[in-house]
Amino acid sequence: MTAAAPAAATAAPPKPAAPAVLDARTAAALTGVLIAAMLSGLNSRSGSLALSDIEGAIGQGIDNGSWISTLYSAGELVAMPFAGWMAITFSVRRFFLAMLAVTALIAAAMPLLSDLRLILVLRALQGLTAGALIPLLMMMALRFLPPPIRLHGLALYAMTATFTPNVAFWAVGHWADRAADLRWVSWQLLPGAALCAGLVGWGLPKEPVNWKRFDSFNWVAFLAGVPGLFLLAVGLGQGNRLDWFHSPLVATCLAGGGIFLAVYVLAECLHPAPFIKFSLMGRRNLYIGFTIFFLLLVVLYSGASLPAAFLAGVQGYRSLQSAPVGLAIGLPQLVAGFAVALLLYQRWVDARAVMALGLVLVGTACLLASGLDTGWTWRQFLPAQALQALGQPMAVVPLLFLSTSVVQPMEGPYIAGFVNMLRGLGTLAGVAAMGRFSTLREHFHSDVLTGHAAAMAGHLPGGFDADSVATAIDAQAAALSAADTYRLLGWTALAMVPLCAFFTHVPAPLIPPRR
């Protein structure tokens, strides 16, 4: 594939013929890329969920240990807009195998290390290499999958956002509590990595490195984008812990990251062979779709994390005990996404209506969960989680279909990089925004309840046990702030429903009749 030539915002390159049949080698390679993308997501989420145990294992507190997750997320975000260009230049096979090998080697070594500085460097590098694996899935699906099965490829990509984060609760709980061997939180990636290397190594042909592409390398965008995305990720990741703009570090990271990112976008728009073709955003389905995608990521990721965070804070649950609420969403995705894809292939189905219904279900699930109280266990969350499990693929798969249907296969690398950069930023921004909102609401409710308790104390002749009251107030404040967060997520999801009508209608793909 060669670098794209300058074109108008709405122009599209000639559409290459899609393969009529997906051959066995390409199918094997796609399977390997899919599994690797899932493992990358599992590796990222597992590291965050097991962070407190990891901190204890290496003798670090929450202040130093928090950088383990932050730097991984920063490396992951940095890789996403550039992975497609690198894969085309070095060949998908060579680039994939190299990134997978480094990710696996670090995973093998990480449990054996105790020096924090070395762990931070390697974790950032692992985020970079693992994050480069995720955009390749969408890029290859758009390029290689023929129309009769392309929607199923989008459903597989959607699973990396809906399945892995929820199943990670069970995986971490199993290794940390049931198996009592924290090393496998990192080592669980290794068997799958070996399988992926075999599938992709066999499935994709060996191709030479296209060194001539470096003649048009966008150095300005690269040198601005890397520090810009890294600084933004650090600022968002450490914002809540360091109290945002009260911290010179966070303020500098966010301001510097914003400036570098602006330079990056400008350089991409002016360059004839960009990493991400921002001119494509002039297509209606793309700019509307990506706006919804960003907000939807905030809702989905925060909604997946909130039950476990509430149960850990109020009931003292660990990951294994919270696993049922994650599995209630994660396991149905193995079937639900493909069912939605089959539905979208029906000529009488409007993808915009399916997406709107999915957003309604997600919003209703959040509003239903907002009725929680301090007595809730994982069982009380199951009805809301069931609605989430149904609503998520109904929202995400049509969204990807409507957005990518206006993209030609050869434009896949441009869109894959942008989608995944939005995914990384949306996840980080969602965690930061919802964390800040939850903290503010918890402080508000705690102050109100403490004031009521103090007013009542003067009317009780025997007084009360201050420790018991403080514990009860903390639990109530946590429950009330979680309810407020759920309401915000629910109304955000419902507010996106009218935006579905602004998509340009895309008819179902034609499936050639069987002979």
Protein backbone atom coordinates (compact mmCIF):
# COMPACT_ATOMS: atom_id res chain seq x y z
CA MET A 1 0.00 0.00 0.00
CA THR A 2 1.37 3.44 -0.88
CA ALA A 3 0.96 6.77 0.82
CA ALA A 4 -2.26 8.58 0.06
CA ALA A 5 -2.13 11.55 -2.29
CA PRO A 6 -3.69 14.89 -1.34
CA ALA A 7 -7.40 14.95 -1.91
CA ALA A 8 -10.44 16.96 -1.09
CA ALA A 9 -12.17 16.33 2.19
CA THR A 10 -14.88 14.25 0.64
CA ALA A 11 -12.83 12.54 -2.04
CA ALA A 12 -12.16 8.84 -1.75
CA PRO A 13 -9.54 6.74 -3.47
CA PRO A 14 -10.59 4.06 -5.94
CA LYS A 15 -12.20 1.18 -4.17
CA PRO A 16 -10.23 -2.03 -4.57
CA ALA A 17 -12.13 -5.20 -5.07
CA ALA A 18 -12.72 -7.05 -1.85
CA PRO A 19 -11.85 -10.72 -1.87
CA ALA A 20 -14.82 -12.85 -2.79
CA VAL A 21 -13.89 -15.52 -0.30
CA LEU A 22 -11.84 -15.22 2.86
CA ASP A 23 -9.05 -17.75 2.41
CA ALA A 24 -7.78 -19.88 5.28
CA ARG A 25 -4.49 -18.04 5.76
CA THR A 26 -6.10 -14.60 5.95
CA ALA A 27 -8.76 -15.95 8.32
CA ALA A 28 -6.03 -17.38 10.55
CA ALA A 29 -4.18 -14.06 10.56
CA LEU A 30 -7.36 -12.14 11.43
CA THR A 31 -8.05 -14.58 14.24
CA GLY A 32 -4.55 -14.02 15.60
CA VAL A 33 -4.92 -10.24 15.42
CA LEU A 34 -8.31 -10.48 17.16
CA ILE A 35 -6.99 -12.60 20.02
CA ALA A 36 -4.00 -10.28 20.41
CA ALA A 37 -6.28 -7.22 20.60
CA MET A 38 -8.37 -8.96 23.27
CA LEU A 39 -5.24 -9.92 25.20
CA SER A 40 -3.99 -6.35 24.99
CA GLY A 41 -7.22 -5.08 26.51
CA LEU A 42 -7.13 -7.78 29.17
CA ASN A 43 -3.53 -6.91 30.02
CA SER A 44 -4.38 -3.24 30.42
CA ARG A 45 -7.51 -3.77 32.51
CA SER A 46 -5.99 -6.52 34.66
CA GLY A 47 -3.05 -4.32 35.58
CA SER A 48 -5.43 -1.60 36.80
CA LEU A 49 -7.65 -3.99 38.76
CA ALA A 50 -4.72 -5.71 40.46
CA LEU A 51 -2.87 -2.47 41.15
CA SER A 52 -3.31 -2.47 44.93
CA ASP A 53 -2.01 -6.05 45.14
CA ILE A 54 0.92 -5.19 42.87
CA GLU A 55 1.75 -2.16 45.00
CA GLY A 56 1.85 -4.36 48.07
CA ALA A 57 3.96 -7.00 46.35
CA ILE A 58 6.68 -4.48 45.42
CA GLY A 59 6.43 -2.50 48.65
CA GLN A 60 4.97 0.72 47.20
CA GLY A 61 2.08 2.92 48.25
CA ILE A 62 -0.76 4.29 46.17
CA ASP A 63 1.11 7.49 45.21
CA ASN A 64 4.04 5.75 43.55
CA GLY A 65 2.06 2.72 42.42
CA SER A 66 -0.54 4.78 40.55
CA TRP A 67 2.11 5.59 37.95
CA ILE A 68 2.17 1.93 36.87
CA SER A 69 -1.29 2.26 35.32
CA THR A 70 -0.83 5.85 34.17
CA LEU A 71 2.33 5.18 32.17
CA TYR A 72 0.85 2.05 30.59
CA SER A 73 -2.18 4.07 29.43
CA ALA A 74 0.11 6.81 28.14
CA GLY A 75 2.16 4.36 26.09
CA GLU A 76 -1.00 2.74 24.77
CA LEU A 77 -2.44 6.07 23.63
CA VAL A 78 0.79 7.17 21.95
CA ALA A 79 0.91 4.04 19.78
CA MET A 80 -2.61 4.16 18.39
CA PRO A 81 -2.49 6.91 15.73
CA PHE A 82 0.85 5.72 14.31
CA ALA A 83 0.41 1.93 14.36
CA GLY A 84 -1.32 1.72 10.98
CA TRP A 85 1.41 3.67 9.18
CA MET A 86 4.13 1.59 10.80
CA ALA A 87 2.34 -1.66 9.94
CA ILE A 88 2.03 -0.69 6.27
CA THR A 89 5.65 0.42 6.10
CA PHE A 90 7.27 -2.53 7.87
CA SER A 91 4.53 -5.00 6.75
CA VAL A 92 1.68 -6.04 9.00
CA ARG A 93 3.29 -9.41 9.67
CA ARG A 94 6.67 -8.04 10.73
CA PHE A 95 5.22 -5.15 12.77
CA PHE A 96 2.64 -7.32 14.52
CA LEU A 97 5.13 -10.04 15.47
CA ALA A 98 7.65 -7.48 16.75
CA MET A 99 5.08 -5.65 18.91
CA LEU A 100 3.67 -8.93 20.21
CA ALA A 101 7.13 -10.27 21.07
CA VAL A 102 8.08 -7.19 23.11
CA THR A 103 4.72 -7.23 24.89
CA ALA A 104 5.12 -10.90 25.80
CA LEU A 105 8.75 -10.54 26.93
CA ILE A 106 7.84 -7.71 29.28
CA ALA A 107 4.86 -9.71 30.57
CA ALA A 108 7.19 -12.62 31.32
CA ALA A 109 9.71 -10.43 33.16
CA MET A 110 7.39 -8.07 35.04
CA PRO A 111 6.48 -10.36 37.99
CA LEU A 112 10.18 -10.96 38.65
CA LEU A 113 11.01 -7.26 39.16
CA SER A 114 10.84 -5.14 42.29
CA ASP A 115 12.60 -1.90 41.28
CA LEU A 116 9.86 0.68 40.73
CA ARG A 117 11.75 2.78 38.18
CA LEU A 118 12.44 -0.24 35.99
CA ILE A 119 8.83 -1.40 36.33
CA LEU A 120 7.56 2.02 35.24
CA VAL A 121 9.81 2.13 32.17
CA LEU A 122 8.86 -1.39 31.10
CA ARG A 123 5.17 -0.85 31.76
CA ALA A 124 5.19 2.29 29.58
CA LEU A 125 7.00 0.35 26.84
CA GLN A 126 4.52 -2.49 27.15
CA GLY A 127 1.65 -0.04 26.82
CA LEU A 128 3.26 1.25 23.63
CA THR A 129 3.70 -2.20 22.05
CA ALA A 130 0.39 -3.65 23.26
CA GLY A 131 -1.48 -0.52 22.22
CA ALA A 132 -0.09 -0.89 18.70
CA LEU A 133 -1.83 -4.27 18.35
CA ILE A 134 -5.39 -2.94 18.75
CA PRO A 135 -5.68 -0.67 15.64
CA LEU A 136 -4.49 -3.51 13.40
CA LEU A 137 -7.74 -5.41 14.01
CA MET A 138 -9.99 -2.73 12.54
CA MET A 139 -7.49 -1.95 9.78
CA MET A 140 -7.39 -5.59 8.65
CA ALA A 141 -11.14 -6.09 9.04
CA LEU A 142 -11.89 -3.11 6.79
CA ARG A 143 -9.29 -4.17 4.24
CA PHE A 144 -9.69 -7.95 4.02
CA LEU A 145 -13.23 -8.91 5.06
CA PRO A 146 -15.72 -9.24 2.18
CA PRO A 147 -19.12 -7.53 2.60
CA PRO A 148 -21.02 -10.72 3.56
CA ILE A 149 -19.02 -11.00 6.80
CA ARG A 150 -17.61 -7.48 7.35
CA LEU A 151 -20.23 -6.64 9.99
CA HIS A 152 -19.14 -9.66 11.98
CA GLY A 153 -15.61 -8.26 11.89
CA LEU A 154 -16.92 -5.01 13.38
CA ALA A 155 -18.73 -7.04 16.03
CA LEU A 156 -15.42 -8.69 16.90
CA TYR A 157 -13.77 -5.29 17.22
CA ALA A 158 -16.63 -4.11 19.44
CA MET A 159 -15.95 -7.06 21.73
CA THR A 160 -12.53 -5.62 22.56
CA ALA A 161 -14.39 -2.73 24.23
CA THR A 162 -17.35 -4.65 25.69
CA PHE A 163 -16.06 -8.13 26.52
CA THR A 164 -12.49 -7.79 27.79
CA PRO A 165 -12.93 -5.02 30.41
CA ASN A 166 -15.73 -6.96 32.08
CA VAL A 167 -14.13 -10.42 32.01
CA ALA A 168 -10.95 -8.96 33.53
CA PHE A 169 -12.65 -8.85 36.95
CA TRP A 170 -12.91 -12.64 36.98
CA ALA A 171 -9.39 -13.15 35.60
CA VAL A 172 -7.74 -10.93 38.23
CA GLY A 173 -9.85 -12.39 41.01
CA HIS A 174 -8.98 -15.92 39.95
CA TRP A 175 -5.23 -15.35 39.90
CA ALA A 176 -5.03 -13.08 42.95
CA ASP A 177 -7.47 -14.87 45.27
CA ARG A 178 -8.32 -18.36 44.08
CA ALA A 179 -4.93 -19.38 42.65
CA ALA A 180 -3.10 -17.06 45.07
CA ASP A 181 -0.40 -16.39 42.47
CA LEU A 182 -0.31 -12.75 41.42
CA ARG A 183 2.35 -13.44 38.79
CA TRP A 184 -0.29 -14.90 36.47
CA VAL A 185 -2.00 -11.52 36.18
CA SER A 186 0.93 -10.75 33.89
CA TRP A 187 1.72 -14.25 32.64
CA GLN A 188 -1.85 -14.99 31.49
CA LEU A 189 -0.97 -13.19 28.26
CA LEU A 190 1.80 -15.61 27.28
CA PRO A 191 -0.09 -18.71 26.00
CA GLY A 192 -2.38 -16.58 23.86
CA ALA A 193 0.58 -14.56 22.55
CA ALA A 194 2.27 -17.75 21.36
CA LEU A 195 -0.93 -18.81 19.58
CA CYS A 196 -1.32 -15.39 17.93
CA ALA A 197 2.29 -15.41 16.74
CA GLY A 198 1.74 -18.77 15.09
CA LEU A 199 -1.52 -17.74 13.40
CA VAL A 200 -0.25 -14.44 12.06
CA GLY A 201 3.17 -15.84 11.13
CA TRP A 202 1.49 -18.55 9.06
CA GLY A 203 -1.40 -16.48 7.77
CA LEU A 204 0.34 -13.39 6.41
CA PRO A 205 2.98 -13.45 3.68
CA LYS A 206 6.50 -12.12 4.20
CA GLU A 207 6.84 -8.71 2.61
CA PRO A 208 9.80 -6.36 2.30
CA VAL A 209 10.06 -3.15 4.27
CA ASN A 210 8.86 -0.18 2.22
CA TRP A 211 11.66 2.20 3.13
CA LYS A 212 10.55 4.73 0.49
CA ARG A 213 7.56 5.66 2.67
CA PHE A 214 9.98 7.40 5.01
CA ASP A 215 10.62 9.95 2.26
CA SER A 216 7.17 11.35 3.05
CA PHE A 217 7.26 10.71 6.81
CA ASN A 218 5.41 13.46 8.70
CA TRP A 219 8.13 14.26 11.21
CA VAL A 220 6.42 17.37 12.59
CA ALA A 221 3.22 15.44 13.39
CA PHE A 222 5.17 12.56 14.89
CA LEU A 223 7.40 14.74 17.07
CA ALA A 224 4.37 16.74 18.26
CA GLY A 225 1.91 13.87 18.57
CA VAL A 226 4.05 11.56 20.70
CA PRO A 227 4.71 14.03 23.56
CA GLY A 228 1.25 15.57 23.19
CA LEU A 229 -0.64 12.32 23.67
CA PHE A 230 1.78 11.15 26.38
CA LEU A 231 1.38 14.36 28.39
CA LEU A 232 -2.41 14.34 28.05
CA ALA A 233 -2.56 10.75 29.25
CA VAL A 234 -0.37 11.56 32.27
CA GLY A 235 -2.44 14.63 33.13
CA LEU A 236 -5.73 12.75 32.89
CA GLY A 237 -4.37 9.71 34.72
CA GLN A 238 -2.95 11.65 37.66
CA GLY A 239 -5.52 14.47 37.76
CA ASN A 240 -7.82 13.10 40.44
CA ARG A 241 -4.99 11.97 42.69
CA LEU A 242 -3.13 15.31 42.52
CA ASP A 243 -6.26 17.54 42.54
CA TRP A 244 -6.06 18.69 38.94
CA PHE A 245 -4.95 22.30 38.38
CA HIS A 246 -3.86 22.65 41.98
CA SER A 247 -0.94 20.46 40.90
CA PRO A 248 1.76 22.11 38.76
CA LEU A 249 2.55 18.69 37.24
CA VAL A 250 -1.02 18.05 36.07
CA ALA A 251 -1.49 21.63 34.86
CA THR A 252 1.76 21.49 32.88
CA CYS A 253 0.91 18.10 31.37
CA LEU A 254 -2.57 19.14 30.26
CA ALA A 255 -1.49 22.52 28.90
CA GLY A 256 1.61 21.16 27.18
CA GLY A 257 -0.27 18.15 25.86
CA GLY A 258 -2.99 20.39 24.44
CA ILE A 259 -0.46 22.61 22.64
CA PHE A 260 1.48 19.67 21.21
CA LEU A 261 -1.75 17.98 20.10
CA ALA A 262 -2.90 21.15 18.32
CA VAL A 263 0.42 21.24 16.44
CA TYR A 264 -0.01 17.55 15.62
CA VAL A 265 -3.49 18.04 14.14
CA LEU A 266 -2.36 21.07 12.12
CA ALA A 267 0.67 19.18 10.77
CA GLU A 268 -1.53 16.24 9.79
CA CYS A 269 -3.98 18.49 7.95
CA LEU A 270 -1.20 20.17 5.94
CA HIS A 271 0.82 17.07 5.09
CA PRO A 272 0.17 15.12 1.85
CA ALA A 273 0.74 11.72 3.53
CA PRO A 274 -0.60 11.97 7.09
CA PHE A 275 -0.85 9.26 9.71
CA ILE A 276 -4.53 10.14 10.18
CA LYS A 277 -6.45 11.82 7.39
CA PHE A 278 -8.50 14.42 9.26
CA SER A 279 -10.12 15.54 6.01
CA LEU A 280 -12.19 12.35 6.18
CA MET A 281 -13.92 13.83 9.20
CA GLY A 282 -15.88 16.02 6.80
CA ARG A 283 -18.09 13.02 6.05
CA ARG A 284 -21.24 13.30 8.10
CA ASN A 285 -21.36 9.73 9.39
CA LEU A 286 -17.78 10.01 10.59
CA TYR A 287 -17.98 13.24 12.58
CA ILE A 288 -21.35 12.36 14.09
CA GLY A 289 -20.28 8.78 14.74
CA PHE A 290 -17.00 9.70 16.38
CA THR A 291 -18.71 12.27 18.61
CA ILE A 292 -21.11 9.62 19.84
CA PHE A 293 -18.31 7.05 20.07
CA PHE A 294 -16.28 9.27 22.40
CA LEU A 295 -19.24 9.92 24.71
CA LEU A 296 -20.36 6.30 24.56
CA LEU A 297 -16.93 5.12 25.69
CA VAL A 298 -17.23 7.35 28.74
CA VAL A 299 -20.60 5.81 29.58
CA LEU A 300 -19.64 2.18 28.89
CA TYR A 301 -16.26 2.16 30.62
CA SER A 302 -17.50 4.08 33.65
CA GLY A 303 -20.63 1.96 33.83
CA ALA A 304 -18.52 -1.21 33.78
CA SER A 305 -16.25 0.03 36.57
CA LEU A 306 -18.84 1.57 38.86
CA PRO A 307 -20.48 -1.58 40.34
CA ALA A 308 -17.14 -3.12 41.31
CA ALA A 309 -15.87 0.16 42.75
CA PHE A 310 -19.06 0.53 44.81
CA LEU A 311 -18.99 -3.05 46.06
CA ALA A 312 -15.30 -2.73 46.97
CA GLY A 313 -15.85 0.49 48.89
CA VAL A 314 -19.09 -0.37 50.68
CA GLN A 315 -19.12 -4.17 50.95
CA GLY A 316 -15.35 -4.77 50.92
CA TYR A 317 -15.52 -6.96 47.82
CA ARG A 318 -12.38 -8.02 45.98
CA SER A 319 -12.22 -8.66 42.23
CA LEU A 320 -13.33 -12.30 42.47
CA GLN A 321 -16.40 -11.37 44.50
CA SER A 322 -17.29 -8.61 42.02
CA ALA A 323 -16.71 -10.89 39.03
CA PRO A 324 -20.41 -11.82 38.55
CA VAL A 325 -21.35 -8.22 37.73
CA GLY A 326 -18.61 -8.13 35.08
CA LEU A 327 -19.39 -11.55 33.65
CA ALA A 328 -23.08 -10.62 33.42
CA ILE A 329 -22.08 -8.08 30.75
CA GLY A 330 -18.99 -9.74 29.30
CA LEU A 331 -20.12 -13.30 28.57
CA PRO A 332 -23.26 -12.39 26.56
CA GLN A 333 -21.02 -10.39 24.19
CA LEU A 334 -19.76 -13.69 22.76
CA VAL A 335 -23.18 -14.07 21.14
CA ALA A 336 -24.86 -10.66 21.26
CA GLY A 337 -22.50 -8.84 18.90
CA PHE A 338 -22.91 -11.46 16.16
CA ALA A 339 -26.68 -11.44 16.65
CA VAL A 340 -26.72 -7.67 16.13
CA ALA A 341 -24.53 -8.08 13.03
CA LEU A 342 -26.99 -10.63 11.60
CA LEU A 343 -29.83 -8.22 12.32
CA LEU A 344 -28.08 -5.40 10.46
CA TYR A 345 -27.81 -7.59 7.36
CA GLN A 346 -31.62 -7.61 7.04
CA ARG A 347 -32.76 -5.18 4.37
CA TRP A 348 -35.74 -4.01 6.44
CA VAL A 349 -33.59 -3.00 9.42
CA ASP A 350 -32.39 0.58 9.87
CA ALA A 351 -29.08 0.63 11.73
CA ARG A 352 -29.94 4.04 13.17
CA ALA A 353 -32.99 2.61 14.92
CA VAL A 354 -31.01 -0.33 16.31
CA MET A 355 -28.38 2.06 17.65
CA ALA A 356 -31.01 4.33 19.22
CA LEU A 357 -32.61 1.34 20.94
CA GLY A 358 -29.20 0.26 22.23
CA LEU A 359 -28.57 3.71 23.71
CA VAL A 360 -32.01 3.64 25.34
CA LEU A 361 -31.22 0.27 26.93
CA VAL A 362 -27.84 1.48 28.18
CA GLY A 363 -29.37 4.65 29.60
CA THR A 364 -32.23 2.71 31.22
CA ALA A 365 -29.74 0.29 32.76
CA CYS A 366 -27.82 3.16 34.36
CA LEU A 367 -30.99 4.80 35.68
CA LEU A 368 -32.16 1.45 37.05
CA ALA A 369 -28.84 0.99 38.87
CA SER A 370 -29.13 4.50 40.32
CA GLY A 371 -31.60 3.06 42.83
CA LEU A 372 -28.75 1.36 44.71
CA ASP A 373 -28.29 1.63 48.44
CA THR A 374 -25.76 0.42 51.00
CA GLY A 375 -27.42 -2.99 51.20
CA TRP A 376 -26.84 -3.88 47.57
CA THR A 377 -24.66 -6.86 46.68
CA TRP A 378 -23.77 -8.11 43.21
CA ARG A 379 -27.16 -9.80 42.87
CA GLN A 380 -29.04 -6.50 42.94
CA PHE A 381 -26.94 -5.20 40.06
CA LEU A 382 -27.81 -8.10 37.73
CA PRO A 383 -31.02 -6.67 36.15
CA ALA A 384 -29.19 -3.47 35.20
CA GLN A 385 -26.19 -5.46 33.97
CA ALA A 386 -28.47 -7.60 31.81
CA LEU A 387 -29.82 -4.48 30.11
CA GLN A 388 -26.25 -3.25 29.65
CA ALA A 389 -25.25 -6.57 28.10
CA LEU A 390 -28.03 -6.24 25.52
CA GLY A 391 -27.68 -2.51 24.93
CA GLN A 392 -23.92 -2.28 24.46
CA PRO A 393 -23.62 -4.29 21.20
CA MET A 394 -26.85 -2.75 19.89
CA ALA A 395 -25.23 0.68 20.30
CA VAL A 396 -21.62 -0.05 19.35
CA VAL A 397 -21.96 -2.37 16.32
CA PRO A 398 -24.43 -0.15 14.39
CA LEU A 399 -22.31 2.87 15.29
CA LEU A 400 -19.21 1.25 13.76
CA PHE A 401 -21.24 0.10 10.73
CA LEU A 402 -22.69 3.55 10.04
CA SER A 403 -19.31 5.23 10.48
CA THR A 404 -17.09 2.83 8.55
CA SER A 405 -19.56 2.33 5.68
CA VAL A 406 -18.46 5.69 4.26
CA VAL A 407 -14.81 4.56 4.37
CA GLN A 408 -13.10 2.78 1.50
CA PRO A 409 -10.93 -0.27 2.37
CA MET A 410 -7.71 1.55 1.46
CA GLU A 411 -8.66 4.33 3.90
CA GLY A 412 -8.87 1.82 6.74
CA PRO A 413 -5.49 2.70 8.33
CA TYR A 414 -6.47 6.38 8.62
CA ILE A 415 -9.75 5.56 10.33
CA ALA A 416 -8.42 2.73 12.49
CA GLY A 417 -5.83 5.05 14.00
CA PHE A 418 -8.37 7.78 14.68
CA VAL A 419 -10.97 5.41 16.15
CA ASN A 420 -8.46 3.91 18.51
CA MET A 421 -6.98 7.26 19.51
CA LEU A 422 -10.53 8.36 20.38
CA ARG A 423 -10.99 5.11 22.25
CA GLY A 424 -7.91 5.72 24.36
CA LEU A 425 -8.77 9.36 25.03
CA GLY A 426 -12.42 8.54 25.73
CA THR A 427 -11.48 5.88 28.26
CA LEU A 428 -9.00 8.15 30.05
CA ALA A 429 -11.32 11.15 29.97
CA GLY A 430 -14.24 9.05 31.18
CA VAL A 431 -12.33 7.66 34.15
CA ALA A 432 -11.04 11.13 35.02
CA ALA A 433 -14.37 12.94 34.63
CA MET A 434 -16.45 10.35 36.42
CA GLY A 435 -13.83 10.03 39.16
CA ARG A 436 -13.90 13.78 39.71
CA PHE A 437 -17.69 13.93 39.64
CA SER A 438 -17.97 11.02 42.07
CA THR A 439 -15.45 12.59 44.46
CA LEU A 440 -17.26 15.93 44.48
CA ARG A 441 -20.63 14.31 45.05
CA GLU A 442 -19.27 12.08 47.80
CA HIS A 443 -17.80 15.09 49.60
CA PHE A 444 -21.11 16.93 49.22
CA HIS A 445 -23.19 14.08 50.62
CA SER A 446 -20.67 13.46 53.41
CA ASP A 447 -20.84 17.12 54.49
CA VAL A 448 -24.64 17.10 54.44
CA LEU A 449 -24.91 13.85 56.43
CA THR A 450 -22.27 14.98 58.91
CA GLY A 451 -24.19 18.19 59.45
CA HIS A 452 -27.40 16.26 60.11
CA ALA A 453 -25.60 13.94 62.52
CA ALA A 454 -24.10 16.87 64.42
CA ALA A 455 -27.52 18.53 64.67
CA MET A 456 -29.07 15.35 66.02
CA ALA A 457 -26.28 14.76 68.55
CA GLY A 458 -27.48 17.61 70.74
CA HIS A 459 -30.91 15.99 71.08
CA LEU A 460 -29.64 12.57 72.16
CA PRO A 461 -29.07 12.37 75.93
CA GLY A 462 -26.53 9.60 75.64
CA GLY A 463 -24.85 10.89 72.47
CA PHE A 464 -23.68 8.30 69.94
CA ASP A 465 -20.66 6.30 68.94
CA ALA A 466 -18.70 8.65 66.70
CA ASP A 467 -16.78 5.85 64.96
CA SER A 468 -19.94 3.94 64.06
CA VAL A 469 -21.63 7.07 62.77
CA ALA A 470 -18.59 8.03 60.68
CA THR A 471 -18.54 4.56 59.11
CA ALA A 472 -22.26 4.75 58.31
CA ILE A 473 -21.87 8.23 56.83
CA ASP A 474 -19.01 7.09 54.61
CA ALA A 475 -21.09 4.18 53.30
CA GLN A 476 -24.15 6.36 52.67
CA ALA A 477 -22.08 9.04 50.94
CA ALA A 478 -20.50 6.40 48.69
CA ALA A 479 -23.92 5.00 47.78
CA LEU A 480 -25.41 8.42 47.08
CA SER A 481 -22.44 9.51 44.94
CA ALA A 482 -22.60 6.23 42.97
CA ALA A 483 -26.32 6.82 42.39
CA ASP A 484 -25.60 10.36 41.17
CA THR A 485 -22.91 9.03 38.80
CA TYR A 486 -25.28 6.43 37.42
CA ARG A 487 -27.89 9.10 36.79
CA LEU A 488 -25.36 11.25 34.94
CA LEU A 489 -24.29 8.29 32.78
CA GLY A 490 -27.89 7.31 32.11
CA TRP A 491 -29.00 10.74 31.00
CA THR A 492 -25.85 11.12 28.88
CA ALA A 493 -26.72 7.90 27.03
CA LEU A 494 -30.32 9.01 26.51
CA ALA A 495 -29.19 12.46 25.32
CA MET A 496 -27.29 10.78 22.47
CA VAL A 497 -30.42 9.07 21.11
CA PRO A 498 -31.60 12.06 18.98
CA LEU A 499 -28.14 12.24 17.36
CA CYS A 500 -28.83 8.89 15.67
CA ALA A 501 -31.27 10.62 13.32
CA PHE A 502 -28.46 12.78 11.91
CA PHE A 503 -26.62 9.82 10.41
CA THR A 504 -26.94 9.36 6.67
CA HIS A 505 -28.92 6.17 6.09
CA VAL A 506 -26.76 3.24 5.06
CA PRO A 507 -28.63 0.22 3.65
CA ALA A 508 -27.73 -3.27 4.74
CA PRO A 509 -24.84 -4.81 2.76
CA LEU A 510 -25.94 -7.08 -0.05
CA ILE A 511 -25.13 -10.73 0.51
CA PRO A 512 -24.64 -12.62 -2.75
CA PRO A 513 -26.99 -15.60 -3.11
CA ARG A 514 -25.57 -19.05 -2.54
CA ARG A 515 -24.98 -21.12 -5.65
